[in-house]
Amino acid sequence: MKSRILFLCTGNSARSQMAEGLLRHMAGDRFEVFSAGTRPSGLNPNAVQAMAEVGIDISGHRSKHVDEFAGHQFDYVFTVCDNAKETCPFFPGGGKRLHQSFEDPAG
């Protein structure tokens, strides 16, 4: 059975989208990977371009609100920005909670 992973950031436009695409590309046979944001703002075209440059297509992704995953079970919930960590301190159904803040590439 695949481990389920959720990446969270504020806009679900770049950081969490890139993490979702990268992990799905590298280990999609072992993980079910999702991403969401606390205030979704649409997929950033620069994130799509950056991922395409390394051979990963995330152009079909869409920006999702974390509420879409309410009631879902995850083995790991990764917050990739401080705002998401502070805004979403508890994720029902979330397993292990991990945090690594990355600078916003959209900025």
Protein backbone atom coordinates (compact mmCIF):
# COMPACT_ATOMS: atom_id res chain seq x y z
CA MET A 1 0.00 0.00 0.00
CA LYS A 2 1.31 3.44 -0.93
CA SER A 3 1.96 6.06 1.74
CA ARG A 4 -0.24 9.15 1.33
CA ILE A 5 1.51 12.53 1.47
CA LEU A 6 0.09 16.06 1.48
CA PHE A 7 2.23 19.14 0.82
CA LEU A 8 0.80 22.41 2.17
CA CYS A 9 1.73 26.01 1.50
CA THR A 10 -0.20 29.26 1.40
CA GLY A 11 -1.18 29.69 -2.26
CA ASN A 12 -0.68 26.15 -3.59
CA SER A 13 0.78 27.92 -6.59
CA ALA A 14 4.48 27.00 -6.56
CA ARG A 15 6.23 25.35 -3.57
CA SER A 16 3.68 22.66 -2.76
CA GLN A 17 2.88 22.12 -6.44
CA MET A 18 6.56 21.62 -7.26
CA ALA A 19 7.01 19.26 -4.30
CA GLU A 20 3.96 17.25 -5.40
CA GLY A 21 5.24 16.98 -8.97
CA LEU A 22 8.79 16.13 -7.95
CA LEU A 23 7.86 13.38 -5.49
CA ARG A 24 5.25 11.93 -7.83
CA HIS A 25 7.88 11.87 -10.60
CA MET A 26 10.62 10.34 -8.43
CA ALA A 27 8.61 7.91 -6.32
CA GLY A 28 5.03 7.81 -7.54
CA ASP A 29 5.16 4.04 -7.39
CA ARG A 30 5.58 4.26 -3.59
CA PHE A 31 3.59 7.38 -2.67
CA GLU A 32 0.20 8.93 -3.36
CA VAL A 33 1.03 12.63 -3.46
CA PHE A 34 -1.25 15.65 -3.09
CA SER A 35 -0.85 19.37 -2.49
CA ALA A 36 -3.07 22.17 -1.21
CA GLY A 37 -2.98 25.70 0.12
CA THR A 38 -4.50 27.67 2.95
CA ARG A 39 -5.37 30.47 0.48
CA PRO A 40 -5.12 28.97 -3.03
CA SER A 41 -4.14 31.51 -5.67
CA GLY A 42 -3.83 29.53 -8.91
CA LEU A 43 -0.96 27.60 -10.44
CA ASN A 44 2.08 29.81 -11.02
CA PRO A 45 3.25 29.63 -14.66
CA ASN A 46 6.87 30.06 -13.53
CA ALA A 47 6.57 26.91 -11.41
CA VAL A 48 5.22 25.05 -14.44
CA GLN A 49 8.13 26.33 -16.54
CA ALA A 50 10.77 25.50 -13.91
CA MET A 51 9.49 21.96 -13.55
CA ALA A 52 9.30 21.52 -17.34
CA GLU A 53 12.98 22.48 -17.50
CA VAL A 54 13.78 19.37 -15.43
CA GLY A 55 11.40 17.17 -17.40
CA ILE A 56 8.40 17.21 -15.04
CA ASP A 57 5.00 18.33 -16.32
CA ILE A 58 2.76 19.93 -13.70
CA SER A 59 0.73 21.93 -16.20
CA GLY A 60 -2.35 19.81 -15.46
CA HIS A 61 -2.25 20.60 -11.73
CA ARG A 62 -4.72 23.00 -10.17
CA SER A 63 -4.54 25.08 -7.03
CA LYS A 64 -6.61 23.43 -4.28
CA HIS A 65 -7.82 24.57 -0.86
CA VAL A 66 -6.78 22.44 2.11
CA ASP A 67 -10.47 22.02 2.97
CA GLU A 68 -10.83 19.75 -0.08
CA PHE A 69 -8.89 17.17 1.90
CA ALA A 70 -10.88 17.37 5.14
CA GLY A 71 -11.57 13.85 6.34
CA HIS A 72 -8.80 12.32 4.21
CA GLN A 73 -6.12 10.25 5.88
CA PHE A 74 -2.45 11.01 5.25
CA ASP A 75 0.69 9.31 6.48
CA TYR A 76 2.65 12.57 6.24
CA VAL A 77 1.64 16.22 6.06
CA PHE A 78 4.49 18.53 5.01
CA THR A 79 4.20 22.29 5.42
CA VAL A 80 6.62 24.07 3.10
CA CYS A 81 6.12 27.62 4.34
CA ASP A 82 5.84 29.17 7.79
CA ASN A 83 2.43 30.69 7.06
CA ALA A 84 0.89 27.29 6.29
CA LYS A 85 2.45 25.82 9.43
CA GLU A 86 0.95 28.59 11.57
CA THR A 87 -2.41 28.72 9.78
CA CYS A 88 -2.92 24.98 9.75
CA PRO A 89 -1.40 23.77 13.02
CA PHE A 90 -3.58 20.65 13.08
CA PHE A 91 -4.71 18.60 10.13
CA PRO A 92 -7.45 16.07 10.96
CA GLY A 93 -6.53 12.73 9.48
CA GLY A 94 -2.91 13.77 9.19
CA GLY A 95 -0.22 11.38 10.26
CA LYS A 96 3.25 12.62 11.00
CA ARG A 97 3.61 16.37 10.65
CA LEU A 98 6.84 17.74 9.12
CA HIS A 99 7.91 21.29 8.31
CA GLN A 100 10.57 22.82 6.10
CA SER A 101 10.17 26.42 5.10
CA PHE A 102 11.20 27.37 1.57
CA GLU A 103 11.42 30.89 0.20
CA ASP A 104 8.48 31.70 -2.05
CA PRO A 105 9.71 31.33 -5.65
CA ALA A 106 6.70 33.36 -6.83
CA GLY A 107 8.07 36.37 -4.96
